[in-house]
Every structure is written in structure tokens, then in C-alpha cells.
Amino acid sequence: MFNSFKKLSGMISNLIDYLKGSRMRGEKFKKRPYKSLGEELEELTKQKP
């Protein structure tokens, strides 16, 4: 069982290293357009028909 976890740990480590070097980017890295506090509040208080 220890060897299985050791192998899995190595695989996860390699995946992380690969992803760090890749050009893929997720939601975290997408820049969202800036909204003022008023715009945010207006959007949150809109009632959907």
C-alpha cells in the first residue's frame, strides 16, 4: 500500500509541475471587467421577471 501512495504522490507532483509550465489558465487568471460598487449593488438587486 505504501508503494501505491508513493507512486500516486509522484504522479500528482509530475502533473503539478506540468501544469505550472503549461500555458493553460483557468478562471482564477481571467481578468474581470471592473465594476463600481453601485453597479455591483444594482446588479445584485435586479429582480428577474
Protein backbone atom coordinates (compact mmCIF):
# COMPACT_ATOMS: atom_id res chain seq x y z
CA MET A 1 0.00 0.00 0.00
CA PHE A 2 2.86 2.40 0.81
CA ASN A 3 4.30 1.91 -2.68
CA SER A 4 0.92 2.76 -4.23
CA PHE A 5 0.73 6.04 -2.31
CA LYS A 6 4.33 6.84 -3.16
CA LYS A 7 3.61 6.23 -6.86
CA LEU A 8 0.42 8.34 -6.69
CA SER A 9 2.31 11.15 -4.94
CA GLY A 10 4.90 11.15 -7.72
CA MET A 11 2.20 11.23 -10.39
CA ILE A 12 0.45 14.17 -8.73
CA SER A 13 3.75 16.01 -8.33
CA ASN A 14 4.55 15.50 -12.03
CA LEU A 15 1.09 16.72 -13.02
CA ILE A 16 1.51 19.87 -10.93
CA ASP A 17 4.92 20.54 -12.46
CA TYR A 18 3.47 20.05 -15.94
CA LEU A 19 0.56 22.41 -15.30
CA LYS A 20 2.86 25.09 -13.87
CA GLY A 21 4.85 25.06 -17.10
CA SER A 22 1.84 24.94 -19.43
CA ARG A 23 0.11 27.95 -20.91
CA MET A 24 -3.31 26.84 -19.66
CA ARG A 25 -5.11 29.31 -17.46
CA GLY A 26 -8.38 28.96 -15.60
CA GLU A 27 -10.98 31.24 -14.08
CA LYS A 28 -8.55 32.43 -11.45
CA PHE A 29 -6.42 34.15 -14.10
CA LYS A 30 -9.18 35.70 -16.22
CA LYS A 31 -9.47 39.42 -15.70
CA ARG A 32 -12.98 40.51 -14.93
CA PRO A 33 -14.18 43.92 -16.04
CA TYR A 34 -14.12 46.44 -13.21
CA LYS A 35 -17.49 47.41 -11.81
CA SER A 36 -18.17 50.16 -9.33
CA LEU A 37 -19.86 49.36 -6.03
CA GLY A 38 -23.04 50.99 -7.33
CA GLU A 39 -23.04 48.79 -10.42
CA GLU A 40 -22.46 45.69 -8.29
CA LEU A 41 -25.34 46.61 -5.96
CA GLU A 42 -27.63 47.38 -8.88
CA GLU A 43 -26.83 44.02 -10.45
CA LEU A 44 -27.45 42.19 -7.17
CA THR A 45 -30.76 43.93 -6.53
CA LYS A 46 -32.20 43.46 -10.02
CA GLN A 47 -35.30 41.34 -9.98
CA LYS A 48 -35.63 38.81 -12.73
CA PRO A 49 -39.04 38.77 -14.47
